[in-house]
């Protein structure tokens, strides 16, 4: 495909996050008008960085990116900036446009329908005057997605758009993207979602820092990449066998002396060349090692009692009755629509005891927050994990970390500089080291590479402590033993005492 056919053209593009982290190295690729593409690559490969280059937020070190004149680009951001939290819904959407849009309300209504964030008739008139910061994390994620869609851009960049969307929300978004006649590039670990509307893949190869292009749906491209990796492994195995045979000959010839020694010398040079020719098997296809989270000893039989919880109904907090006794070894799933208070309940449990919540004394809590705000972004991965070790043994810590693909430069990186997927792996490594008796997990598959998810599901399924799980991914939950389900939408208000 020539550059003339492309809406976005990268030519000999190079970019380094810093001197030790090259993202692109003389990369060349083209995005044609109307393409619907998946951007793939391992956690930390630089997928979000590539989006920032396309939007102009980051500049290439060398080479060029050519975008057709008058091309509008919108990106679904991951978090709402603090300075936008105090805006009303209407003001939040007005900021999406450079020029004032008159009568923006119908556009807002339409885009909220797409992301399945439709207010009830009772509050519909007041909804656009509601403050953005008053929404739950899942609802804020929908607002962020809607803020990109409302712009109707020529190029739509979606970074993990299905995070925090329930099944109905994903279906709404999928239908919208199928009908969208413009260019879409999406980062996602939801294979079924991607397969439903994408027609090609941009593959960010961390070995050579190139962007490879594949045609076909997501599943077919995965098969093609897997076949290529297997071929690379076979080539390496054959080459390694030949190299070892030649080394054995060299040792034999070297001992003979005379002309034989000269032959051995020449063979050494040939071996060095052969070893340099070995193909680096791409790291993208590595999966985290199977792991267990061992709970601490002396966990009491009854770990948690819930007699009442706070829920959000009609946008107002209310206390509701419940009767939950979570015992050692039991797994509880909390369900309910976005905005009802699932994350608020988990935060309350992790932070102490609110009214109606009672956690047994001596139970250590391990908390996986979906926004990773309980990790210290200013500390390195090494410092974070060493602090989590009961016995401060560096060798043991590094061994556990390596199982979560945390090694080399990553260990020296600050947590705040990691990709969201890498932060998730740090969080799981930390939980393994902490040995909690009560495990609280809020959307633990968000940002995680799909290859790792079955391994994580198996670890949670086997967990012997008490566990509370919130997840919007049915396929993930199906792999985990769930003993009880608490549906916040079905709870009745606390009866007022007479």
Protein backbone atom coordinates (compact mmCIF):
# COMPACT_ATOMS: atom_id res chain seq x y z
CA UNK A 1 0.00 0.00 0.00
CA UNK A 2 1.45 3.37 -0.95
CA UNK A 3 1.55 6.42 1.32
CA UNK A 4 -1.02 8.09 -0.96
CA UNK A 5 -3.61 5.49 0.11
CA UNK A 6 -3.02 6.09 3.78
CA UNK A 7 -4.89 8.31 6.19
CA UNK A 8 -2.01 7.90 8.70
CA UNK A 9 1.50 7.03 7.48
CA UNK A 10 4.50 6.29 9.74
CA UNK A 11 7.81 6.58 7.85
CA UNK A 12 11.10 5.46 9.45
CA UNK A 13 9.56 6.42 12.80
CA UNK A 14 11.68 6.12 15.96
CA UNK A 15 10.64 6.94 19.52
CA UNK A 16 12.24 6.23 22.90
CA UNK A 17 10.38 6.58 26.21
CA UNK A 18 13.87 7.07 27.64
CA UNK A 19 17.36 5.88 26.68
CA UNK A 20 16.64 2.33 27.92
CA UNK A 21 13.09 1.97 26.56
CA UNK A 22 12.84 2.21 22.77
CA UNK A 23 9.23 1.94 21.56
CA UNK A 24 9.69 2.34 17.79
CA UNK A 25 12.83 1.91 15.70
CA UNK A 26 12.59 3.07 12.05
CA UNK A 27 9.04 1.71 11.87
CA UNK A 28 6.99 1.95 8.68
CA UNK A 29 3.27 1.28 8.46
CA UNK A 30 0.06 2.71 6.99
CA UNK A 31 -3.49 3.06 8.33
CA UNK A 32 -5.95 3.41 5.48
CA UNK A 33 -9.16 5.43 5.65
CA UNK A 34 -12.06 3.45 7.09
CA UNK A 35 -9.89 0.67 8.57
CA UNK A 36 -10.97 -1.01 11.80
CA UNK A 37 -7.85 -2.31 13.49
CA UNK A 38 -6.67 -3.88 16.74
CA UNK A 39 -3.39 -2.59 18.21
CA UNK A 40 -1.66 -5.57 19.82
CA UNK A 41 1.51 -6.06 21.86
CA UNK A 42 2.60 -7.29 25.26
CA UNK A 43 1.97 -5.23 28.41
CA UNK A 44 4.42 -2.32 28.36
CA UNK A 45 5.17 -2.58 24.63
CA UNK A 46 4.06 1.01 24.06
CA UNK A 47 0.51 0.74 22.70
CA UNK A 48 -0.82 3.76 24.59
CA UNK A 49 2.37 5.64 23.65
CA UNK A 50 1.61 4.98 19.97
CA UNK A 51 -1.83 6.54 20.47
CA UNK A 52 -0.19 9.61 22.03
CA UNK A 53 2.06 9.94 18.97
CA UNK A 54 -0.95 9.77 16.63
CA UNK A 55 -2.80 12.46 18.60
CA UNK A 56 0.31 14.69 18.64
CA UNK A 57 0.66 14.57 22.42
CA UNK A 58 4.12 13.01 21.92
CA UNK A 59 6.60 13.82 19.13
CA UNK A 60 8.77 11.29 17.26
CA UNK A 61 12.54 11.39 17.90
CA UNK A 62 13.25 10.61 14.23
CA UNK A 63 11.27 9.90 11.08
CA UNK A 64 7.81 11.25 10.29
CA UNK A 65 4.11 10.68 10.83
CA UNK A 66 1.96 12.04 8.01
CA UNK A 67 -1.76 12.48 8.64
CA UNK A 68 -4.09 13.64 5.87
CA UNK A 69 -5.02 17.35 6.25
CA UNK A 70 -8.19 18.23 8.20
CA UNK A 71 -8.34 14.75 9.81
CA UNK A 72 -10.08 14.90 13.18
CA UNK A 73 -8.85 12.49 15.87
CA UNK A 74 -10.47 11.60 19.22
CA UNK A 75 -9.20 9.25 21.92
CA UNK A 76 -11.05 7.60 24.79
CA UNK A 77 -8.95 8.51 27.81
CA UNK A 78 -8.35 6.11 30.71
CA UNK A 79 -9.12 8.50 33.59
CA UNK A 80 -10.97 11.79 34.07
CA UNK A 81 -8.48 14.54 35.05
CA UNK A 82 -9.03 16.13 38.46
CA UNK A 83 -9.77 19.53 36.96
CA UNK A 84 -12.76 18.00 35.11
CA UNK A 85 -14.27 16.24 38.14
CA UNK A 86 -16.21 19.34 39.21
CA UNK A 87 -17.79 19.89 35.78
CA UNK A 88 -21.40 19.05 35.09
CA UNK A 89 -22.11 16.33 32.53
CA UNK A 90 -23.09 19.00 30.00
CA UNK A 91 -19.89 21.04 30.60
CA UNK A 92 -17.81 17.85 30.38
CA UNK A 93 -19.16 17.13 26.88
CA UNK A 94 -18.95 20.77 25.78
CA UNK A 95 -15.20 20.61 26.44
CA UNK A 96 -14.89 17.92 23.77
CA UNK A 97 -15.36 20.52 21.04
CA UNK A 98 -13.09 23.42 20.08
CA UNK A 99 -16.05 25.54 19.03
CA UNK A 100 -19.32 26.00 20.88
CA UNK A 101 -21.98 23.44 19.95
CA UNK A 102 -25.47 24.85 20.22
CA UNK A 103 -28.21 22.55 21.50
CA UNK A 104 -25.72 19.84 22.56
CA UNK A 105 -28.29 17.95 24.67
CA UNK A 106 -29.62 15.68 21.86
CA UNK A 107 -26.02 14.67 21.01
CA UNK A 108 -25.40 13.83 24.68
CA UNK A 109 -28.61 11.77 24.86
CA UNK A 110 -27.60 9.83 21.75
CA UNK A 111 -24.06 9.04 22.89
CA UNK A 112 -25.15 8.02 26.40
CA UNK A 113 -27.45 5.51 24.72
CA UNK A 114 -24.44 4.04 22.85
CA UNK A 115 -22.45 3.51 26.08
CA UNK A 116 -25.55 2.25 27.90
CA UNK A 117 -25.55 5.03 30.50
CA UNK A 118 -29.18 6.04 30.12
CA UNK A 119 -30.69 7.96 33.05
CA UNK A 120 -34.10 6.95 34.37
CA UNK A 121 -37.09 9.14 33.46
CA UNK A 122 -37.20 10.31 37.07
CA UNK A 123 -33.76 11.99 36.88
CA UNK A 124 -33.42 12.53 33.10
CA UNK A 125 -33.88 16.31 33.28
CA UNK A 126 -31.33 16.74 36.09
CA UNK A 127 -28.80 14.21 34.72
CA UNK A 128 -26.84 16.66 32.55
CA UNK A 129 -26.48 19.02 35.52
CA UNK A 130 -24.98 16.29 37.71
CA UNK A 131 -21.31 16.67 38.74
CA UNK A 132 -18.94 14.24 36.96
CA UNK A 133 -17.09 13.38 40.20
CA UNK A 134 -20.30 12.03 41.74
CA UNK A 135 -20.39 9.06 39.32
CA UNK A 136 -18.93 5.63 40.12
CA UNK A 137 -15.68 4.46 38.50
CA UNK A 138 -17.60 2.34 35.99
CA UNK A 139 -19.91 5.23 35.08
CA UNK A 140 -16.92 7.57 34.68
CA UNK A 141 -15.37 5.06 32.28
CA UNK A 142 -18.55 5.24 30.18
CA UNK A 143 -18.45 9.04 30.19
CA UNK A 144 -14.84 8.94 28.95
CA UNK A 145 -15.81 6.60 26.14
CA UNK A 146 -18.82 8.77 25.28
CA UNK A 147 -16.60 11.89 25.20
CA UNK A 148 -14.66 10.36 22.30
CA UNK A 149 -17.69 9.01 20.45
CA UNK A 150 -19.64 12.30 20.61
CA UNK A 151 -16.97 14.01 18.48
CA UNK A 152 -17.73 11.71 15.51
CA UNK A 153 -14.03 11.89 14.52
CA UNK A 154 -12.34 10.69 11.32
CA UNK A 155 -10.05 8.56 13.52
CA UNK A 156 -11.37 7.02 16.74
CA UNK A 157 -8.71 5.69 19.14
CA UNK A 158 -10.12 3.43 21.85
CA UNK A 159 -7.90 2.36 24.78
CA UNK A 160 -9.48 -0.58 26.64
CA UNK A 161 -13.05 0.64 25.93
CA UNK A 162 -14.77 -2.43 27.42
CA UNK A 163 -13.23 -2.03 30.88
CA UNK A 164 -16.10 -1.48 33.34
CA UNK A 165 -18.75 -2.16 30.68
CA UNK A 166 -21.23 -4.91 31.45
CA UNK A 167 -22.37 -7.31 28.74
CA UNK A 168 -25.21 -5.01 27.60
CA UNK A 169 -22.78 -2.08 27.45
CA UNK A 170 -20.34 -4.05 25.30
CA UNK A 171 -23.16 -5.06 22.94
CA UNK A 172 -24.25 -1.42 22.56
CA UNK A 173 -20.67 -0.34 21.78
CA UNK A 174 -20.12 -3.23 19.35
CA UNK A 175 -23.26 -2.35 17.37
CA UNK A 176 -22.12 1.28 17.20
CA UNK A 177 -18.62 0.37 15.94
CA UNK A 178 -19.97 -2.04 13.32
CA UNK A 179 -21.98 0.83 11.81
CA UNK A 180 -19.22 3.45 12.23
CA UNK A 181 -17.99 4.37 8.74
CA UNK A 182 -14.72 5.97 9.79
CA UNK A 183 -11.32 4.74 11.03
CA UNK A 184 -11.10 2.90 14.36
CA UNK A 185 -7.98 1.65 16.16
CA UNK A 186 -8.61 -0.17 19.42
CA UNK A 187 -6.49 -1.55 22.26
CA UNK A 188 -8.39 -4.27 24.10
CA UNK A 189 -7.93 -7.68 25.72
CA UNK A 190 -11.53 -8.70 25.04
CA UNK A 191 -11.05 -11.18 22.19
CA UNK A 192 -14.75 -11.65 21.37
CA UNK A 193 -15.33 -7.88 21.26
CA UNK A 194 -12.37 -7.38 18.90
CA UNK A 195 -13.34 -10.28 16.67
CA UNK A 196 -16.83 -8.87 16.18
CA UNK A 197 -15.79 -5.75 14.23
CA UNK A 198 -12.02 -5.48 13.54
CA UNK A 199 -10.54 -6.56 10.21
CA UNK A 200 -6.80 -6.33 10.81
CA UNK A 201 -4.07 -6.01 13.43
CA UNK A 202 -1.19 -3.62 14.05
CA UNK A 203 1.26 -5.73 16.06
CA UNK A 204 3.85 -3.84 18.12
CA UNK A 205 6.82 -6.24 18.14
CA UNK A 206 9.02 -5.55 21.17
CA UNK A 207 11.89 -7.58 19.71
CA UNK A 208 12.62 -5.35 16.72
CA UNK A 209 10.44 -2.33 17.68
CA UNK A 210 8.54 -2.56 14.41
CA UNK A 211 4.79 -2.43 13.78
CA UNK A 212 3.74 -5.50 11.80
CA UNK A 213 0.48 -5.42 9.83
CA UNK A 214 -1.87 -8.38 9.47
CA UNK A 215 -5.16 -8.70 7.59
CA UNK A 216 -8.06 -10.76 8.90
CA UNK A 217 -10.12 -10.90 12.05
CA UNK A 218 -8.55 -11.01 15.49
CA UNK A 219 -8.68 -14.78 15.98
CA UNK A 220 -7.21 -15.56 12.54
CA UNK A 221 -4.34 -13.13 13.15
CA UNK A 222 -3.62 -14.75 16.53
CA UNK A 223 -3.36 -18.13 14.77
CA UNK A 224 -1.01 -16.64 12.18
CA UNK A 225 1.23 -15.12 14.86
CA UNK A 226 1.25 -18.38 16.85
CA UNK A 227 2.26 -20.31 13.72
CA UNK A 228 5.10 -17.86 13.12
CA UNK A 229 6.33 -18.25 16.71
CA UNK A 230 6.27 -22.06 16.43
CA UNK A 231 8.27 -21.84 13.20
CA UNK A 232 10.82 -19.57 14.92
CA UNK A 233 11.13 -22.05 17.80
CA UNK A 234 11.66 -24.99 15.41
CA UNK A 235 14.31 -23.07 13.47
CA UNK A 236 16.13 -22.24 16.69
CA UNK A 237 15.96 -25.85 17.94
CA UNK A 238 17.42 -27.19 14.67
CA UNK A 239 20.14 -24.54 14.69
CA UNK A 240 21.00 -25.20 18.35
CA UNK A 241 21.37 -28.92 17.59
CA UNK A 242 23.71 -28.24 14.66
CA UNK A 243 25.74 -25.72 16.70
CA UNK A 244 26.26 -28.25 19.51
CA UNK A 245 27.37 -30.92 17.02
CA UNK A 246 29.87 -28.45 15.51
CA UNK A 247 31.17 -27.53 18.98
CA UNK A 248 31.83 -31.22 19.68
CA UNK A 249 33.78 -31.42 16.40
CA UNK A 250 35.79 -28.30 17.28
CA UNK A 251 36.90 -29.81 20.58
CA UNK A 252 37.95 -32.97 18.77
CA UNK A 253 39.84 -31.13 15.99
CA UNK A 254 41.52 -28.69 18.40
CA UNK A 255 43.11 -31.57 20.30
CA UNK A 256 44.58 -33.05 17.08
CA UNK A 257 46.72 -29.98 16.29
CA UNK A 258 48.17 -28.98 12.90
CA UNK A 259 45.68 -28.43 10.05
CA UNK A 260 42.87 -29.73 12.24
CA UNK A 261 43.37 -26.77 14.60
CA UNK A 262 42.97 -24.34 11.66
CA UNK A 263 39.73 -26.09 10.69
CA UNK A 264 38.54 -25.73 14.30
CA UNK A 265 39.33 -22.01 14.23
CA UNK A 266 37.27 -21.49 11.05
CA UNK A 267 34.39 -23.51 12.51
CA UNK A 268 34.34 -21.26 15.60
CA UNK A 269 33.77 -18.23 13.36
CA UNK A 270 30.95 -20.07 11.57
CA UNK A 271 29.34 -20.96 14.93
CA UNK A 272 29.44 -17.36 16.12
CA UNK A 273 27.69 -16.32 12.90
CA UNK A 274 25.09 -19.09 13.33
CA UNK A 275 24.37 -18.06 16.94
CA UNK A 276 23.85 -14.47 15.82
CA UNK A 277 21.36 -15.72 13.20
CA UNK A 278 19.12 -17.36 15.80
CA UNK A 279 15.70 -15.74 15.84
CA UNK A 280 14.56 -14.03 19.03
CA UNK A 281 11.31 -15.76 19.94
CA UNK A 282 8.96 -12.90 20.65
CA UNK A 283 8.22 -12.14 24.30
CA UNK A 284 4.60 -11.28 23.53
CA UNK A 285 3.78 -14.96 23.59
CA UNK A 286 5.06 -15.52 27.11
CA UNK A 287 2.42 -16.15 29.73
CA UNK A 288 2.82 -15.62 33.46
CA UNK A 289 3.73 -18.76 35.38
CA UNK A 290 1.03 -20.61 37.31
CA UNK A 291 0.98 -19.28 40.88
CA UNK A 292 -0.84 -19.65 44.18
CA UNK A 293 -1.83 -17.05 46.79
CA UNK A 294 -1.31 -18.77 50.13
CA UNK A 295 -3.38 -17.25 52.98
CA UNK A 296 -1.74 -16.60 56.34
CA UNK A 297 -2.20 -19.09 59.17
CA UNK A 298 -4.73 -18.88 62.01
CA UNK A 299 -7.64 -17.47 59.99
CA UNK A 300 -10.84 -17.73 62.09
CA UNK A 301 -13.74 -19.78 60.74
CA UNK A 302 -15.97 -16.72 60.28
CA UNK A 303 -14.02 -14.02 58.43
CA UNK A 304 -16.70 -11.44 57.58
CA UNK A 305 -20.26 -10.53 58.56
CA UNK A 306 -22.42 -8.13 56.56
CA UNK A 307 -25.74 -7.09 58.05
CA UNK A 308 -26.21 -3.90 56.05
CA UNK A 309 -24.43 -2.08 53.22
CA UNK A 310 -24.64 1.28 51.47
CA UNK A 311 -26.15 1.19 47.97
CA UNK A 312 -26.83 3.97 45.45
CA UNK A 313 -30.41 4.00 44.14
CA UNK A 314 -31.86 6.83 42.05
CA UNK A 315 -28.45 8.53 42.55
CA UNK A 316 -28.90 8.66 46.33
CA UNK A 317 -26.99 6.61 48.96
CA UNK A 318 -29.19 4.39 51.10
CA UNK A 319 -28.50 1.72 53.72
CA UNK A 320 -29.79 -1.71 52.72
CA UNK A 321 -30.21 -4.92 54.70
CA UNK A 322 -28.25 -8.07 53.95
CA UNK A 323 -27.30 -11.27 55.73
CA UNK A 324 -23.87 -12.51 54.66
CA UNK A 325 -21.46 -14.60 56.72
CA UNK A 326 -18.27 -15.28 54.75
CA UNK A 327 -16.29 -18.20 56.14
CA UNK A 328 -12.68 -19.25 55.66
CA UNK A 329 -12.27 -20.79 52.19
CA UNK A 330 -15.51 -19.30 50.80
CA UNK A 331 -15.72 -17.11 47.68
CA UNK A 332 -18.33 -14.33 47.44
CA UNK A 333 -19.20 -12.50 44.20
CA UNK A 334 -20.82 -9.06 44.43
CA UNK A 335 -22.98 -8.06 41.46
CA UNK A 336 -25.20 -5.15 40.46
CA UNK A 337 -25.42 -2.46 37.77
CA UNK A 338 -22.79 0.26 37.35
CA UNK A 339 -23.18 2.99 39.94
CA UNK A 340 -24.94 0.93 42.60
CA UNK A 341 -21.92 1.00 44.92
CA UNK A 342 -19.86 -2.19 44.36
CA UNK A 343 -16.48 -0.42 44.42
CA UNK A 344 -17.60 1.79 47.34
CA UNK A 345 -18.42 -1.35 49.35
CA UNK A 346 -15.05 -2.96 48.56
CA UNK A 347 -13.21 0.23 49.57
CA UNK A 348 -15.16 0.34 52.82
CA UNK A 349 -14.30 -3.29 53.62
CA UNK A 350 -10.62 -2.81 52.75
CA UNK A 351 -10.33 0.41 54.74
CA UNK A 352 -11.99 -0.59 57.99
CA UNK A 353 -15.39 -1.33 59.38
CA UNK A 354 -18.42 0.74 58.44
CA UNK A 355 -21.91 0.23 59.87
CA UNK A 356 -23.06 -3.33 59.25
CA UNK A 357 -19.56 -4.60 58.36
CA UNK A 358 -17.55 -6.77 60.72
CA UNK A 359 -14.19 -8.35 59.83
CA UNK A 360 -12.70 -10.83 62.30
CA UNK A 361 -9.64 -9.68 64.28
CA UNK A 362 -6.25 -10.70 62.95
CA UNK A 363 -7.38 -11.21 59.35
CA UNK A 364 -4.93 -9.64 56.90
CA UNK A 365 -6.64 -8.05 53.88
CA UNK A 366 -5.23 -8.12 50.34
CA UNK A 367 -6.93 -5.56 48.08
CA UNK A 368 -6.70 -5.43 44.27
CA UNK A 369 -8.00 -1.97 43.33
CA UNK A 370 -9.04 -1.44 39.72
CA UNK A 371 -7.28 1.96 39.61
CA UNK A 372 -4.12 0.70 41.43
CA UNK A 373 -4.24 3.75 43.73
CA UNK A 374 -3.10 1.60 46.67
CA UNK A 375 0.27 1.14 44.91
CA UNK A 376 2.91 3.83 45.53
CA UNK A 377 3.55 5.22 42.03
CA UNK A 378 6.75 6.93 43.23
CA UNK A 379 8.46 3.68 44.27
CA UNK A 380 10.24 1.26 41.94
CA UNK A 381 8.85 -2.21 41.30
CA UNK A 382 11.84 -3.61 43.22
CA UNK A 383 11.07 -1.45 46.28
CA UNK A 384 7.35 -2.23 46.11
CA UNK A 385 7.81 -5.99 46.01
CA UNK A 386 10.62 -6.13 48.59
CA UNK A 387 8.38 -4.20 51.01
CA UNK A 388 5.68 -6.88 50.50
CA UNK A 389 7.97 -9.79 51.42
CA UNK A 390 7.60 -11.28 54.89
CA UNK A 391 11.21 -12.49 54.75
CA UNK A 392 13.29 -9.91 52.89
CA UNK A 393 15.05 -12.35 50.59
CA UNK A 394 15.94 -10.66 47.29
CA UNK A 395 16.55 -13.90 45.39
CA UNK A 396 13.13 -15.27 46.37
CA UNK A 397 11.45 -11.95 45.52
CA UNK A 398 13.09 -11.83 42.08
CA UNK A 399 12.03 -15.41 41.38
CA UNK A 400 8.38 -14.63 42.20
CA UNK A 401 8.54 -11.37 40.19
CA UNK A 402 9.96 -13.17 37.14
CA UNK A 403 6.93 -15.49 37.20
CA UNK A 404 4.82 -12.37 36.57
CA UNK A 405 7.18 -11.24 33.74
CA UNK A 406 8.67 -8.54 36.00
CA UNK A 407 12.43 -8.45 35.46
CA UNK A 408 15.26 -6.41 33.93
CA UNK A 409 14.47 -2.74 33.34
CA UNK A 410 10.92 -3.19 34.68
CA UNK A 411 12.25 -3.86 38.20
CA UNK A 412 14.11 -0.53 38.17
CA UNK A 413 11.10 1.38 36.80
CA UNK A 414 8.79 3.42 38.99
CA UNK A 415 5.34 1.88 39.30
CA UNK A 416 3.80 5.09 37.92
CA UNK A 417 5.78 4.69 34.67
CA UNK A 418 4.46 1.18 33.96
CA UNK A 419 1.62 0.36 31.59
CA UNK A 420 -1.72 -0.41 33.22
CA UNK A 421 -1.25 -4.12 32.42
CA UNK A 422 2.15 -4.19 34.13
CA UNK A 423 0.69 -2.44 37.20
CA UNK A 424 -1.86 -5.27 37.34
CA UNK A 425 0.91 -7.89 37.33
CA UNK A 426 2.75 -5.99 40.10
CA UNK A 427 -0.51 -5.99 42.11
CA UNK A 428 -0.86 -9.78 41.75
CA UNK A 429 2.81 -10.39 42.64
CA UNK A 430 2.30 -8.19 45.70
CA UNK A 431 -0.79 -10.18 46.77
CA UNK A 432 1.13 -13.44 46.46
CA UNK A 433 3.86 -12.09 48.74
CA UNK A 434 1.45 -10.58 51.29
CA UNK A 435 -0.40 -13.87 51.98
CA UNK A 436 -3.79 -12.28 52.80
CA UNK A 437 -6.53 -14.11 54.68
CA UNK A 438 -9.26 -12.02 52.98
CA UNK A 439 -8.78 -11.28 49.30
CA UNK A 440 -10.79 -8.35 47.86
CA UNK A 441 -10.69 -8.04 44.06
CA UNK A 442 -12.23 -5.18 42.05
CA UNK A 443 -12.28 -5.91 38.28
CA UNK A 444 -8.98 -7.86 38.30
CA UNK A 445 -9.02 -8.56 34.54
CA UNK A 446 -9.02 -4.88 33.47
CA UNK A 447 -5.87 -4.17 31.40
CA UNK A 448 -4.53 -7.73 31.83
CA UNK A 449 -3.30 -9.54 28.71
CA UNK A 450 -5.84 -12.23 27.75
CA UNK A 451 -3.11 -14.92 27.84
CA UNK A 452 -2.64 -14.37 31.59
CA UNK A 453 -6.33 -14.47 32.54
CA UNK A 454 -6.75 -18.30 32.73
CA UNK A 455 -3.65 -18.49 34.98
CA UNK A 456 -5.08 -15.80 37.30
CA UNK A 457 -8.50 -17.50 37.32
CA UNK A 458 -6.90 -20.80 38.35
CA UNK A 459 -5.00 -19.12 41.21
CA UNK A 460 -8.21 -17.49 42.51
CA UNK A 461 -10.18 -20.71 42.08
CA UNK A 462 -7.66 -22.53 44.30
CA UNK A 463 -7.40 -19.74 46.91
CA UNK A 464 -8.03 -21.21 50.39
CA UNK A 465 -8.77 -17.94 52.23
CA UNK A 466 -11.99 -15.90 52.09
CA UNK A 467 -12.49 -13.97 48.85
CA UNK A 468 -14.76 -11.17 47.58
CA UNK A 469 -14.85 -10.63 43.82
CA UNK A 470 -16.33 -7.96 41.56
CA UNK A 471 -15.96 -8.65 37.83
CA UNK A 472 -17.97 -7.77 34.72
CA UNK A 473 -16.38 -10.61 32.68
CA UNK A 474 -18.60 -13.74 32.84
CA UNK A 475 -16.03 -15.96 31.08
CA UNK A 476 -13.52 -15.14 33.83
CA UNK A 477 -15.94 -15.68 36.73
CA UNK A 478 -17.03 -19.04 35.26
CA UNK A 479 -13.50 -20.37 35.85
CA UNK A 480 -13.59 -19.52 39.58
CA UNK A 481 -15.44 -21.32 42.38
CA UNK A 482 -18.17 -18.97 43.66
CA UNK A 483 -19.98 -20.09 46.83
CA UNK A 484 -22.36 -17.15 47.24
CA UNK A 485 -23.56 -14.16 45.20
CA UNK A 486 -24.66 -10.84 46.71
CA UNK A 487 -26.80 -8.82 44.28
CA UNK A 488 -26.86 -5.23 45.56
CA UNK A 489 -29.82 -4.35 43.30
CA UNK A 490 -32.08 -6.84 45.14
CA UNK A 491 -31.42 -5.62 48.69
CA UNK A 492 -34.22 -3.94 50.64
CA UNK A 493 -33.78 -0.66 52.56
CA UNK A 494 -33.01 -0.86 56.27
CA UNK A 495 -36.23 -0.60 58.25
CA UNK A 496 -36.36 2.52 60.34
CA UNK A 497 -36.70 1.84 64.05
CA UNK A 498 -39.95 3.06 65.56
